[in-house]
């Protein structure tokens, strides 16, 4: 029986879906929280580091090498 989960093809599909969906930015006018460009950069970086970079380095072995 062929492997379905954990394959490079499945990982690539999931990564593509995450990239198409993108991060969810949130702000709360009730708490007085103001969403700024600086906050957007921080949230995007946090999203990319936790959801994108790991699978990307698994798919592209050259990215694992430290320069």
N, C-alpha and C. Protein backbone atom coordinates (compact mmCIF):
# COMPACT_ATOMS: atom_id res chain seq x y z
N UNK A 1 0.85 -1.18 0.00
CA UNK A 1 0.00 0.00 0.00
C UNK A 1 0.90 1.25 0.00
N UNK A 2 0.61 2.21 -0.87
CA UNK A 2 1.46 3.40 -0.94
C UNK A 2 1.29 4.32 0.28
N UNK A 3 2.35 4.99 0.60
CA UNK A 3 2.34 5.93 1.72
C UNK A 3 1.56 7.17 1.29
N UNK A 4 0.65 7.64 2.13
CA UNK A 4 -0.18 8.80 1.79
C UNK A 4 0.24 10.04 2.57
N UNK A 5 0.50 9.88 3.85
CA UNK A 5 0.86 11.01 4.71
C UNK A 5 2.36 11.04 4.93
N UNK A 6 2.90 12.25 5.04
CA UNK A 6 4.31 12.40 5.31
C UNK A 6 5.18 12.34 4.06
N UNK A 7 4.57 12.31 2.90
CA UNK A 7 5.36 12.28 1.67
C UNK A 7 5.73 13.71 1.28
N UNK A 8 6.72 13.83 0.43
CA UNK A 8 7.11 15.16 -0.06
C UNK A 8 5.95 15.83 -0.81
N UNK A 9 5.20 15.04 -1.55
CA UNK A 9 4.06 15.58 -2.30
C UNK A 9 3.00 16.13 -1.34
N UNK A 10 2.69 15.39 -0.28
CA UNK A 10 1.72 15.84 0.71
C UNK A 10 2.22 17.08 1.44
N UNK A 11 3.49 17.08 1.82
CA UNK A 11 4.08 18.23 2.50
C UNK A 11 4.03 19.47 1.61
N UNK A 12 4.35 19.30 0.34
CA UNK A 12 4.31 20.42 -0.61
C UNK A 12 2.89 20.96 -0.76
N UNK A 13 1.91 20.07 -0.81
CA UNK A 13 0.51 20.48 -0.94
C UNK A 13 0.08 21.29 0.28
N UNK A 14 0.41 20.81 1.47
CA UNK A 14 0.05 21.52 2.70
C UNK A 14 0.74 22.87 2.78
N UNK A 15 2.01 22.93 2.40
CA UNK A 15 2.74 24.18 2.42
C UNK A 15 2.13 25.18 1.45
N UNK A 16 1.78 24.73 0.27
CA UNK A 16 1.15 25.60 -0.73
C UNK A 16 -0.17 26.16 -0.20
N UNK A 17 -0.97 25.31 0.44
CA UNK A 17 -2.24 25.77 1.02
C UNK A 17 -2.01 26.83 2.10
N UNK A 18 -1.01 26.62 2.94
CA UNK A 18 -0.70 27.61 3.98
C UNK A 18 -0.26 28.94 3.37
N UNK A 19 0.57 28.85 2.34
CA UNK A 19 1.05 30.07 1.69
C UNK A 19 -0.10 30.82 1.00
N UNK A 20 -1.01 30.08 0.38
CA UNK A 20 -2.16 30.72 -0.26
C UNK A 20 -3.08 31.36 0.76
N UNK A 21 -3.25 30.70 1.91
CA UNK A 21 -4.12 31.20 2.96
C UNK A 21 -3.48 32.40 3.66
N UNK A 22 -2.19 32.30 3.91
CA UNK A 22 -1.46 33.39 4.56
C UNK A 22 -1.75 33.49 6.05
N UNK A 23 -1.09 34.43 6.70
CA UNK A 23 -1.29 34.59 8.14
C UNK A 23 -2.60 35.30 8.44
N UNK A 24 -3.10 35.11 9.64
CA UNK A 24 -4.31 35.79 10.10
C UNK A 24 -3.87 36.92 11.02
N UNK A 25 -4.07 38.13 10.58
CA UNK A 25 -3.76 39.30 11.40
C UNK A 25 -5.00 39.68 12.18
N UNK A 26 -4.78 40.05 13.42
CA UNK A 26 -5.94 40.43 14.22
C UNK A 26 -5.64 41.67 15.03
N UNK A 27 -6.68 42.43 15.24
CA UNK A 27 -6.58 43.58 16.13
C UNK A 27 -7.91 43.66 16.88
N UNK A 28 -7.87 44.27 18.02
CA UNK A 28 -9.07 44.34 18.85
C UNK A 28 -9.36 45.79 19.23
N UNK A 29 -10.36 46.38 18.59
CA UNK A 29 -10.70 47.77 18.96
C UNK A 29 -11.22 47.88 20.39
N UNK A 30 -11.74 46.79 20.93
CA UNK A 30 -12.27 46.81 22.29
C UNK A 30 -11.16 47.04 23.30
N UNK A 31 -10.02 46.37 23.11
CA UNK A 31 -8.92 46.50 24.06
C UNK A 31 -8.04 47.71 23.77
N UNK A 32 -8.30 48.42 22.68
CA UNK A 32 -7.50 49.57 22.33
C UNK A 32 -6.23 49.22 21.59
N UNK A 33 -6.10 47.96 21.21
CA UNK A 33 -4.92 47.50 20.48
C UNK A 33 -4.94 48.08 19.07
N UNK A 34 -3.87 48.73 18.68
CA UNK A 34 -3.77 49.33 17.35
C UNK A 34 -2.84 48.48 16.50
N UNK A 35 -3.35 48.08 15.35
CA UNK A 35 -2.56 47.26 14.44
C UNK A 35 -1.71 48.18 13.57
N UNK A 36 -0.39 48.08 13.70
CA UNK A 36 0.52 48.95 12.98
C UNK A 36 1.32 48.14 11.96
N UNK A 37 1.97 48.81 11.01
CA UNK A 37 2.84 48.09 10.07
C UNK A 37 3.94 47.32 10.78
N UNK A 38 4.47 47.86 11.85
CA UNK A 38 5.52 47.17 12.60
C UNK A 38 4.98 45.88 13.22
N UNK A 39 3.75 45.94 13.72
CA UNK A 39 3.13 44.74 14.30
C UNK A 39 2.85 43.71 13.22
N UNK A 40 2.47 44.17 12.04
CA UNK A 40 2.23 43.26 10.92
C UNK A 40 3.51 42.51 10.55
N UNK A 41 4.64 43.20 10.54
CA UNK A 41 5.92 42.57 10.23
C UNK A 41 6.26 41.52 11.28
N UNK A 42 6.06 41.85 12.55
CA UNK A 42 6.34 40.90 13.63
C UNK A 42 5.45 39.66 13.53
N UNK A 43 4.16 39.87 13.28
CA UNK A 43 3.24 38.74 13.19
C UNK A 43 3.54 37.88 11.96
N UNK A 44 3.87 38.53 10.84
CA UNK A 44 4.19 37.77 9.63
C UNK A 44 5.45 36.93 9.84
N UNK A 45 6.46 37.53 10.46
CA UNK A 45 7.70 36.80 10.73
C UNK A 45 7.43 35.60 11.64
N UNK A 46 6.64 35.80 12.68
CA UNK A 46 6.30 34.72 13.60
C UNK A 46 5.56 33.60 12.87
N UNK A 47 4.62 33.97 11.99
CA UNK A 47 3.86 32.99 11.20
C UNK A 47 4.79 32.21 10.28
N UNK A 48 5.66 32.91 9.57
CA UNK A 48 6.58 32.26 8.62
C UNK A 48 7.53 31.32 9.35
N UNK A 49 8.05 31.74 10.49
CA UNK A 49 8.99 30.89 11.23
C UNK A 49 8.31 29.65 11.78
N UNK A 50 7.05 29.75 12.16
CA UNK A 50 6.39 28.60 12.78
C UNK A 50 5.66 27.70 11.79
N UNK A 51 5.21 28.22 10.65
CA UNK A 51 4.40 27.44 9.73
C UNK A 51 5.04 27.19 8.37
N UNK A 52 6.04 27.96 7.99
CA UNK A 52 6.55 27.87 6.62
C UNK A 52 7.99 27.35 6.55
N UNK A 53 8.87 27.88 7.37
CA UNK A 53 10.29 27.56 7.23
C UNK A 53 10.62 26.09 7.48
N UNK A 54 9.97 25.46 8.44
CA UNK A 54 10.23 24.04 8.71
C UNK A 54 9.90 23.15 7.51
N UNK A 55 8.67 23.19 7.03
CA UNK A 55 8.33 22.38 5.86
C UNK A 55 9.13 22.75 4.62
N UNK A 56 9.45 24.02 4.46
CA UNK A 56 10.22 24.45 3.29
C UNK A 56 11.61 23.85 3.31
N UNK A 57 12.25 23.82 4.46
CA UNK A 57 13.59 23.23 4.53
C UNK A 57 13.55 21.71 4.36
N UNK A 58 12.43 21.08 4.68
CA UNK A 58 12.30 19.65 4.43
C UNK A 58 12.16 19.37 2.93
N UNK A 59 11.50 20.27 2.23
CA UNK A 59 11.29 20.08 0.79
C UNK A 59 12.51 20.47 -0.03
N UNK A 60 13.27 21.45 0.44
CA UNK A 60 14.43 21.93 -0.30
C UNK A 60 15.68 21.66 0.55
N UNK A 61 16.34 20.53 0.33
CA UNK A 61 17.47 20.14 1.17
C UNK A 61 18.61 21.16 1.20
N UNK A 62 18.77 21.93 0.13
CA UNK A 62 19.84 22.93 0.09
C UNK A 62 19.66 23.99 1.15
N UNK A 63 18.44 24.21 1.61
CA UNK A 63 18.18 25.22 2.64
C UNK A 63 18.65 24.77 4.02
N UNK A 64 18.87 23.49 4.21
CA UNK A 64 19.34 22.97 5.50
C UNK A 64 20.79 23.33 5.76
N UNK A 65 21.55 23.56 4.68
CA UNK A 65 22.97 23.88 4.84
C UNK A 65 23.14 25.28 5.40
N UNK A 66 23.99 25.40 6.39
CA UNK A 66 24.32 26.70 6.98
C UNK A 66 25.47 27.29 6.20
N UNK A 67 25.32 28.54 5.78
CA UNK A 67 26.40 29.23 5.05
C UNK A 67 27.43 29.81 5.97
